[in-house]
Amino acid sequence: MHGPANRQRVKQPPRVRTSGCPPAMTLEQAEAFVQTVAEATGRLPVVYVHPTWANGDPLPVSGLSFGARITPDSILARCGLWVADYD
């Protein structure tokens, strides 16, 4: 049965705000979010990520970073990845 009454609410982890930059997640928060989605839906989501971000390095313009790289044992490594590749 479908409909609003049967939808599970997915609790999103809190966003981290850096001075003057848009909100960002830490690696730990992203892993917690993916785990919550997987538990609620039975599926892993597709994750949109920039290669620099996935490597734990700060993005050139914003300086935002996961704070750590995505490792093979991370739940994020099991997700489908949509890798940002633009100039």
PDB file of N, CA and C in Angstrom:
ATOM      1  N   MET A   1       0.843  -1.175   0.000  1.00  0.00           N
ATOM      2  CA  MET A   1       0.000   0.000   0.000  1.00  0.00           C
ATOM      3  C   MET A   1       0.893   1.245   0.000  1.00  0.00           C
ATOM      4  N   HIS A   2       0.556   2.186  -0.798  1.00  0.00           N
ATOM      5  CA  HIS A   2       1.349   3.411  -0.904  1.00  0.00           C
ATOM      6  C   HIS A   2       0.576   4.584  -0.339  1.00  0.00           C
ATOM      7  N   GLY A   3       1.276   5.647  -0.043  1.00  0.00           N
ATOM      8  CA  GLY A   3       0.620   6.851   0.436  1.00  0.00           C
ATOM      9  C   GLY A   3       1.343   7.429   1.629  1.00  0.00           C
ATOM     10  N   PRO A   4       0.974   8.649   2.003  1.00  0.00           N
ATOM     11  CA  PRO A   4       1.651   9.346   3.093  1.00  0.00           C
ATOM     12  C   PRO A   4       1.644   8.579   4.405  1.00  0.00           C
ATOM     13  N   ALA A   5       0.576   7.852   4.698  1.00  0.00           N
ATOM     14  CA  ALA A   5       0.486   7.144   5.976  1.00  0.00           C
ATOM     15  C   ALA A   5       1.501   6.017   6.063  1.00  0.00           C
ATOM     16  N   ASN A   6       1.953   5.496   4.909  1.00  0.00           N
ATOM     17  CA  ASN A   6       2.874   4.371   4.903  1.00  0.00           C
ATOM     18  C   ASN A   6       4.320   4.765   4.653  1.00  0.00           C
ATOM     19  N   ARG A   7       4.572   6.009   4.466  1.00  0.00           N
ATOM     20  CA  ARG A   7       5.944   6.450   4.213  1.00  0.00           C
ATOM     21  C   ARG A   7       6.707   6.560   5.523  1.00  0.00           C
ATOM     22  N   GLN A   8       7.921   6.052   5.506  1.00  0.00           N
ATOM     23  CA  GLN A   8       8.773   6.190   6.681  1.00  0.00           C
ATOM     24  C   GLN A   8       9.529   7.503   6.586  1.00  0.00           C
ATOM     25  N   ARG A   9       9.659   8.164   7.704  1.00  0.00           N
ATOM     26  CA  ARG A   9      10.443   9.393   7.726  1.00  0.00           C
ATOM     27  C   ARG A   9      11.897   9.026   7.909  1.00  0.00           C
ATOM     28  N   VAL A  10      12.757   9.573   7.075  1.00  0.00           N
ATOM     29  CA  VAL A  10      14.189   9.343   7.188  1.00  0.00           C
ATOM     30  C   VAL A  10      14.786  10.523   7.932  1.00  0.00           C
ATOM     31  N   LYS A  11      15.368  10.247   9.076  1.00  0.00           N
ATOM     32  CA  LYS A  11      15.970  11.302   9.883  1.00  0.00           C
ATOM     33  C   LYS A  11      17.314  11.682   9.281  1.00  0.00           C
ATOM     34  N   GLN A  12      17.441  12.943   8.941  1.00  0.00           N
ATOM     35  CA  GLN A  12      18.696  13.422   8.374  1.00  0.00           C
ATOM     36  C   GLN A  12      19.636  13.858   9.489  1.00  0.00           C
ATOM     37  N   PRO A  13      20.930  13.547   9.309  1.00  0.00           N
ATOM     38  CA  PRO A  13      21.879  14.010  10.315  1.00  0.00           C
ATOM     39  C   PRO A  13      21.989  15.525  10.267  1.00  0.00           C
ATOM     40  N   PRO A  14      22.435  16.130  11.361  1.00  0.00           N
ATOM     41  CA  PRO A  14      22.560  17.582  11.361  1.00  0.00           C
ATOM     42  C   PRO A  14      23.597  18.048  10.350  1.00  0.00           C
ATOM     43  N   ARG A  15      23.395  19.215   9.813  1.00  0.00           N
ATOM     44  CA  ARG A  15      24.369  19.788   8.880  1.00  0.00           C
ATOM     45  C   ARG A  15      25.395  20.593   9.652  1.00  0.00           C
ATOM     46  N   VAL A  16      26.583  20.600   9.113  1.00  0.00           N
ATOM     47  CA  VAL A  16      27.664  21.359   9.724  1.00  0.00           C
ATOM     48  C   VAL A  16      27.804  22.662   8.954  1.00  0.00           C
ATOM     49  N   ARG A  17      27.857  23.769   9.637  1.00  0.00           N
ATOM     50  CA  ARG A  17      28.010  25.051   8.972  1.00  0.00           C
ATOM     51  C   ARG A  17      29.423  25.564   9.214  1.00  0.00           C
ATOM     52  N   THR A  18      30.055  25.931   8.120  1.00  0.00           N
ATOM     53  CA  THR A  18      31.380  26.530   8.219  1.00  0.00           C
ATOM     54  C   THR A  18      31.227  28.011   7.942  1.00  0.00           C
ATOM     55  N   SER A  19      32.094  28.813   8.456  1.00  0.00           N
ATOM     56  CA  SER A  19      31.919  30.269   8.371  1.00  0.00           C
ATOM     57  C   SER A  19      31.750  30.740   6.940  1.00  0.00           C
ATOM     58  N   GLY A  20      30.590  31.278   6.654  1.00  0.00           N
ATOM     59  CA  GLY A  20      30.314  31.876   5.352  1.00  0.00           C
ATOM     60  C   GLY A  20      30.117  30.897   4.221  1.00  0.00           C
ATOM     61  N   CYS A  21      30.242  29.595   4.470  1.00  0.00           N
ATOM     62  CA  CYS A  21      30.101  28.599   3.415  1.00  0.00           C
ATOM     63  C   CYS A  21      28.751  27.900   3.545  1.00  0.00           C
ATOM     64  N   PRO A  22      28.283  27.299   2.454  1.00  0.00           N
ATOM     65  CA  PRO A  22      27.033  26.555   2.537  1.00  0.00           C
ATOM     66  C   PRO A  22      27.199  25.357   3.469  1.00  0.00           C
ATOM     67  N   PRO A  23      26.077  24.768   3.923  1.00  0.00           N
ATOM     68  CA  PRO A  23      26.157  23.614   4.814  1.00  0.00           C
ATOM     69  C   PRO A  23      26.911  22.455   4.169  1.00  0.00           C
ATOM     70  N   ALA A  24      27.568  21.660   4.987  1.00  0.00           N
ATOM     71  CA  ALA A  24      28.294  20.489   4.517  1.00  0.00           C
ATOM     72  C   ALA A  24      28.161  19.392   5.556  1.00  0.00           C
ATOM     73  N   MET A  25      28.404  18.162   5.148  1.00  0.00           N
ATOM     74  CA  MET A  25      28.392  17.025   6.065  1.00  0.00           C
ATOM     75  C   MET A  25      29.808  16.542   6.281  1.00  0.00           C
ATOM     76  N   THR A  26      30.050  16.004   7.456  1.00  0.00           N
ATOM     77  CA  THR A  26      31.309  15.305   7.693  1.00  0.00           C
ATOM     78  C   THR A  26      31.155  13.894   7.140  1.00  0.00           C
ATOM     79  N   LEU A  27      32.247  13.185   7.023  1.00  0.00           N
ATOM     80  CA  LEU A  27      32.199  11.807   6.554  1.00  0.00           C
ATOM     81  C   LEU A  27      31.327  10.967   7.484  1.00  0.00           C
ATOM     82  N   GLU A  28      31.485  11.154   8.775  1.00  0.00           N
ATOM     83  CA  GLU A  28      30.691  10.401   9.755  1.00  0.00           C
ATOM     84  C   GLU A  28      29.195  10.674   9.586  1.00  0.00           C
ATOM     85  N   GLN A  29      28.825  11.923   9.350  1.00  0.00           N
ATOM     86  CA  GLN A  29      27.419  12.263   9.147  1.00  0.00           C
ATOM     87  C   GLN A  29      26.888  11.666   7.850  1.00  0.00           C
ATOM     88  N   ALA A  30      27.692  11.680   6.795  1.00  0.00           N
ATOM     89  CA  ALA A  30      27.264  11.100   5.515  1.00  0.00           C
ATOM     90  C   ALA A  30      27.051   9.595   5.665  1.00  0.00           C
ATOM     91  N   GLU A  31      27.952   8.927   6.398  1.00  0.00           N
ATOM     92  CA  GLU A  31      27.798   7.491   6.625  1.00  0.00           C
ATOM     93  C   GLU A  31      26.537   7.205   7.446  1.00  0.00           C
ATOM     94  N   ALA A  32      26.275   8.015   8.451  1.00  0.00           N
ATOM     95  CA  ALA A  32      25.068   7.841   9.268  1.00  0.00           C
ATOM     96  C   ALA A  32      23.812   8.050   8.433  1.00  0.00           C
ATOM     97  N   PHE A  33      23.827   9.045   7.542  1.00  0.00           N
ATOM     98  CA  PHE A  33      22.681   9.303   6.674  1.00  0.00           C
ATOM     99  C   PHE A  33      22.426   8.115   5.755  1.00  0.00           C
ATOM    100  N   VAL A  34      23.490   7.605   5.123  1.00  0.00           N
ATOM    101  CA  VAL A  34      23.350   6.463   4.217  1.00  0.00           C
ATOM    102  C   VAL A  34      22.833   5.243   4.978  1.00  0.00           C
ATOM    103  N   GLN A  35      23.337   5.024   6.183  1.00  0.00           N
ATOM    104  CA  GLN A  35      22.869   3.898   6.994  1.00  0.00           C
ATOM    105  C   GLN A  35      21.379   4.042   7.303  1.00  0.00           C
ATOM    106  N   THR A  36      20.932   5.253   7.630  1.00  0.00           N
ATOM    107  CA  THR A  36      19.524   5.505   7.920  1.00  0.00           C
ATOM    108  C   THR A  36      18.660   5.247   6.693  1.00  0.00           C
ATOM    109  N   VAL A  37      19.112   5.704   5.531  1.00  0.00           N
ATOM    110  CA  VAL A  37      18.380   5.456   4.284  1.00  0.00           C
ATOM    111  C   VAL A  37      18.297   3.962   4.013  1.00  0.00           C
ATOM    112  N   ALA A  38      19.408   3.263   4.174  1.00  0.00           N
ATOM    113  CA  ALA A  38      19.435   1.818   3.917  1.00  0.00           C
ATOM    114  C   ALA A  38      18.491   1.069   4.853  1.00  0.00           C
ATOM    115  N   GLU A  39      18.474   1.453   6.120  1.00  0.00           N
ATOM    116  CA  GLU A  39      17.588   0.795   7.079  1.00  0.00           C
ATOM    117  C   GLU A  39      16.120   1.088   6.775  1.00  0.00           C
ATOM    118  N   ALA A  40      15.824   2.301   6.333  1.00  0.00           N
ATOM    119  CA  ALA A  40      14.442   2.697   6.062  1.00  0.00           C
ATOM    120  C   ALA A  40      13.908   2.134   4.748  1.00  0.00           C
ATOM    121  N   THR A  41      14.780   1.955   3.759  1.00  0.00           N
ATOM    122  CA  THR A  41      14.316   1.564   2.428  1.00  0.00           C
ATOM    123  C   THR A  41      14.768   0.167   1.997  1.00  0.00           C
ATOM    124  N   GLY A  42      15.777  -0.365   2.693  1.00  0.00           N
ATOM    125  CA  GLY A  42      16.330  -1.648   2.269  1.00  0.00           C
ATOM    126  C   GLY A  42      17.263  -1.525   1.091  1.00  0.00           C
ATOM    127  N   ARG A  43      17.612  -0.290   0.725  1.00  0.00           N
ATOM    128  CA  ARG A  43      18.494  -0.044  -0.425  1.00  0.00           C
ATOM    129  C   ARG A  43      19.516   1.021  -0.077  1.00  0.00           C
ATOM    130  N   LEU A  44      20.658   0.919  -0.722  1.00  0.00           N
ATOM    131  CA  LEU A  44      21.666   1.964  -0.579  1.00  0.00           C
ATOM    132  C   LEU A  44      21.382   3.049  -1.612  1.00  0.00           C
ATOM    133  N   PRO A  45      21.536   4.304  -1.246  1.00  0.00           N
ATOM    134  CA  PRO A  45      21.296   5.384  -2.210  1.00  0.00           C
ATOM    135  C   PRO A  45      22.487   5.564  -3.154  1.00  0.00           C
ATOM    136  N   VAL A  46      22.257   6.327  -4.199  1.00  0.00           N
ATOM    137  CA  VAL A  46      23.349   6.793  -5.052  1.00  0.00           C
ATOM    138  C   VAL A  46      23.887   8.062  -4.406  1.00  0.00           C
ATOM    139  N   VAL A  47      25.190   8.183  -4.320  1.00  0.00           N
ATOM    140  CA  VAL A  47      25.820   9.324  -3.670  1.00  0.00           C
ATOM    141  C   VAL A  47      26.501  10.186  -4.728  1.00  0.00           C
ATOM    142  N   TYR A  48      26.169  11.476  -4.734  1.00  0.00           N
ATOM    143  CA  TYR A  48      26.787  12.446  -5.642  1.00  0.00           C
ATOM    144  C   TYR A  48      27.974  13.059  -4.922  1.00  0.00           C
ATOM    145  N   VAL A  49      29.137  12.934  -5.496  1.00  0.00           N
ATOM    146  CA  VAL A  49      30.345  13.387  -4.806  1.00  0.00           C
ATOM    147  C   VAL A  49      31.394  13.874  -5.803  1.00  0.00           C
ATOM    148  N   HIS A  50      32.138  14.877  -5.402  1.00  0.00           N
ATOM    149  CA  HIS A  50      33.271  15.361  -6.178  1.00  0.00           C
ATOM    150  C   HIS A  50      34.479  14.516  -5.790  1.00  0.00           C
ATOM    151  N   PRO A  51      35.338  14.126  -6.743  1.00  0.00           N
ATOM    152  CA  PRO A  51      36.492  13.284  -6.416  1.00  0.00           C
ATOM    153  C   PRO A  51      37.388  13.877  -5.318  1.00  0.00           C
ATOM    154  N   THR A  52      37.562  15.180  -5.334  1.00  0.00           N
ATOM    155  CA  THR A  52      38.385  15.828  -4.311  1.00  0.00           C
ATOM    156  C   THR A  52      37.749  15.630  -2.943  1.00  0.00           C
ATOM    157  N   TRP A  53      36.435  15.785  -2.875  1.00  0.00           N
ATOM    158  CA  TRP A  53      35.677  15.615  -1.628  1.00  0.00           C
ATOM    159  C   TRP A  53      35.806  14.169  -1.151  1.00  0.00           C
ATOM    160  N   ALA A  54      35.648  13.195  -2.080  1.00  0.00           N
ATOM    161  CA  ALA A  54      35.734  11.778  -1.729  1.00  0.00           C
ATOM    162  C   ALA A  54      37.121  11.421  -1.196  1.00  0.00           C
ATOM    163  N   ASN A  55      38.143  12.115  -1.658  1.00  0.00           N
ATOM    164  CA  ASN A  55      39.504  11.870  -1.187  1.00  0.00           C
ATOM    165  C   ASN A  55      39.795  12.555   0.141  1.00  0.00           C
ATOM    166  N   GLY A  56      38.840  13.316   0.658  1.00  0.00           N
ATOM    167  CA  GLY A  56      39.025  13.968   1.944  1.00  0.00           C
ATOM    168  C   GLY A  56      39.739  15.301   1.868  1.00  0.00           C
ATOM    169  N   ASP A  57      40.012  15.751   0.646  1.00  0.00           N
ATOM    170  CA  ASP A  57      40.692  17.031   0.469  1.00  0.00           C
ATOM    171  C   ASP A  57      39.664  18.154   0.391  1.00  0.00           C
ATOM    172  N   PRO A  58      40.045  19.376   0.754  1.00  0.00           N
ATOM    173  CA  PRO A  58      39.112  20.499   0.649  1.00  0.00           C
ATOM    174  C   PRO A  58      38.850  20.875  -0.808  1.00  0.00           C
ATOM    175  N   LEU A  59      37.618  21.270  -1.072  1.00  0.00           N
ATOM    176  CA  LEU A  59      37.281  21.748  -2.415  1.00  0.00           C
ATOM    177  C   LEU A  59      38.001  23.069  -2.670  1.00  0.00           C
ATOM    178  N   PRO A  60      38.450  23.295  -3.899  1.00  0.00           N
ATOM    179  CA  PRO A  60      39.260  24.474  -4.197  1.00  0.00           C
ATOM    180  C   PRO A  60      38.606  25.815  -3.869  1.00  0.00           C
ATOM    181  N   VAL A  61      37.369  26.018  -4.225  1.00  0.00           N
ATOM    182  CA  VAL A  61      36.746  27.326  -4.047  1.00  0.00           C
ATOM    183  C   VAL A  61      36.195  27.519  -2.638  1.00  0.00           C
ATOM    184  N   SER A  62      35.442  26.535  -2.150  1.00  0.00           N
ATOM    185  CA  SER A  62      34.775  26.697  -0.857  1.00  0.00           C
ATOM    186  C   SER A  62      35.636  26.284   0.327  1.00  0.00           C
ATOM    187  N   GLY A  63      36.583  25.405   0.093  1.00  0.00           N
ATOM    188  CA  GLY A  63      37.393  24.898   1.194  1.00  0.00           C
ATOM    189  C   GLY A  63      36.687  23.828   2.011  1.00  0.00           C
ATOM    190  N   LEU A  64      35.452  23.463   1.616  1.00  0.00           N
ATOM    191  CA  LEU A  64      34.710  22.430   2.341  1.00  0.00           C
ATOM    192  C   LEU A  64      35.362  21.069   2.140  1.00  0.00           C
ATOM    193  N   SER A  65      35.245  20.218   3.141  1.00  0.00           N
ATOM    194  CA  SER A  65      35.849  18.893   3.085  1.00  0.00           C
ATOM    195  C   SER A  65      35.048  17.930   3.941  1.00  0.00           C
ATOM    196  N   PHE A  66      35.081  16.641   3.593  1.00  0.00           N
ATOM    197  CA  PHE A  66      34.518  15.590   4.430  1.00  0.00           C
ATOM    198  C   PHE A  66      35.323  15.467   5.724  1.00  0.00           C
ATOM    199  N   GLY A  67      36.584  15.873   5.679  1.00  0.00           N
ATOM    200  CA  GLY A  67      37.458  15.751   6.840  1.00  0.00           C
ATOM    201  C   GLY A  67      38.213  14.438   6.848  1.00  0.00           C
ATOM    202  N   ALA A  68      37.851  13.524   5.972  1.00  0.00           N
ATOM    203  CA  ALA A  68      38.530  12.236   5.837  1.00  0.00           C
ATOM    204  C   ALA A  68      38.142  11.651   4.488  1.00  0.00           C
ATOM    205  N   ARG A  69      38.949  10.733   3.991  1.00  0.00           N
ATOM    206  CA  ARG A  69      38.633  10.142   2.686  1.00  0.00           C
ATOM    207  C   ARG A  69      37.666   8.981   2.844  1.00  0.00           C
ATOM    208  N   ILE A  70      36.915   8.690   1.792  1.00  0.00           N
ATOM    209  CA  ILE A  70      36.044   7.529   1.773  1.00  0.00           C
ATOM    210  C   ILE A  70      36.935   6.310   1.569  1.00  0.00           C
ATOM    211  N   THR A  71      36.927   5.393   2.527  1.00  0.00           N
ATOM    212  CA  THR A  71      37.764   4.199   2.451  1.00  0.00           C
ATOM    213  C   THR A  71      36.927   3.008   1.984  1.00  0.00           C
ATOM    214  N   PRO A  72      37.574   1.920   1.549  1.00  0.00           N
ATOM    215  CA  PRO A  72      36.819   0.749   1.086  1.00  0.00           C
ATOM    216  C   PRO A  72      35.877   0.150   2.135  1.00  0.00           C
ATOM    217  N   ASP A  73      36.176   0.332   3.423  1.00  0.00           N
ATOM    218  CA  ASP A  73      35.302  -0.234   4.449  1.00  0.00           C
ATOM    219  C   ASP A  73      34.142   0.690   4.832  1.00  0.00           C
ATOM    220  N   SER A  74      34.078   1.879   4.240  1.00  0.00           N
ATOM    221  CA  SER A  74      32.982   2.817   4.490  1.00  0.00           C
ATOM    222  C   SER A  74      31.726   2.354   3.771  1.00  0.00           C
ATOM    223  N   ILE A  75      30.568   2.546   4.407  1.00  0.00           N
ATOM    224  CA  ILE A  75      29.294   2.229   3.751  1.00  0.00           C
ATOM    225  C   ILE A  75      29.130   3.045   2.461  1.00  0.00           C
ATOM    226  N   LEU A  76      29.762   4.220   2.401  1.00  0.00           N
ATOM    227  CA  LEU A  76      29.679   5.045   1.192  1.00  0.00           C
ATOM    228  C   LEU A  76      30.329   4.357  -0.001  1.00  0.00           C
ATOM    229  N   ALA A  77      31.347   3.534   0.255  1.00  0.00           N
ATOM    230  CA  ALA A  77      32.030   2.818  -0.825  1.00  0.00           C
ATOM    231  C   ALA A  77      31.139   1.737  -1.435  1.00  0.00           C
ATOM    232  N   ARG A  78      30.094   1.330  -0.727  1.00  0.00           N
ATOM    233  CA  ARG A  78      29.160   0.321  -1.236  1.00  0.00           C
ATOM    234  C   ARG A  78      28.024   0.939  -2.040  1.00  0.00           C
ATOM    235  N   CYS A  79      27.890   2.250  -1.986  1.00  0.00           N
ATOM    236  CA  CYS A  79      26.827   2.954  -2.716  1.00  0.00           C
ATOM    237  C   CYS A  79      27.241   3.166  -4.167  1.00  0.00           C
ATOM    238  N   GLY A  80      26.221   3.312  -5.017  1.00  0.00           N
ATOM    239  CA  GLY A  80      26.516   3.769  -6.365  1.00  0.00           C
ATOM    240  C   GLY A  80      27.022   5.199  -6.265  1.00  0.00           C
ATOM    241  N   LEU A  81      28.056   5.522  -6.996  1.00  0.00           N
ATOM    242  CA  LEU A  81      28.607   6.871  -6.944  1.00  0.00           C
ATOM    243  C   LEU A  81      28.329   7.607  -8.238  1.00  0.00           C
ATOM    244  N   TRP A  82      27.856   8.816  -8.111  1.00  0.00           N
ATOM    245  CA  TRP A  82      27.699   9.729  -9.232  1.00  0.00           C
ATOM    246  C   TRP A  82      28.789  10.761  -9.002  1.00  0.00           C
ATOM    247  N   VAL A  83      29.869  10.623  -9.753  1.00  0.00           N
ATOM    248  CA  VAL A  83      31.057  11.445  -9.538  1.00  0.00           C
ATOM    249  C   VAL A  83      30.944  12.721 -10.358  1.00  0.00           C
ATOM    250  N   ALA A  84      31.071  13.837  -9.667  1.00  0.00           N
ATOM    251  CA  ALA A  84      31.038  15.142 -10.333  1.00  0.00           C
ATOM    252  C   ALA A  84      32.288  15.281 -11.180  1.00  0.00           C
ATOM    253  N   ASP A  85      32.107  15.601 -12.443  1.00  0.00           N
ATOM    254  CA  ASP A  85      33.249  15.791 -13.344  1.00  0.00           C
ATOM    255  C   ASP A  85      32.929  16.950 -14.279  1.00  0.00           C
ATOM    256  N   TYR A  86      33.289  18.125 -13.850  1.00  0.00           N
ATOM    257  CA  TYR A  86      32.999  19.330 -14.609  1.00  0.00           C
ATOM    258  C   TYR A  86      34.154  20.300 -14.464  1.00  0.00           C
ATOM    259  N   ASP A  87      34.196  21.241 -15.354  1.00  0.00           N
ATOM    260  CA  ASP A  87      35.257  22.266 -15.316  1.00  0.00           C
ATOM    261  C   ASP A  87      34.727  23.548 -14.751  1.00  0.00           C
TER     262      ASP A  87
END
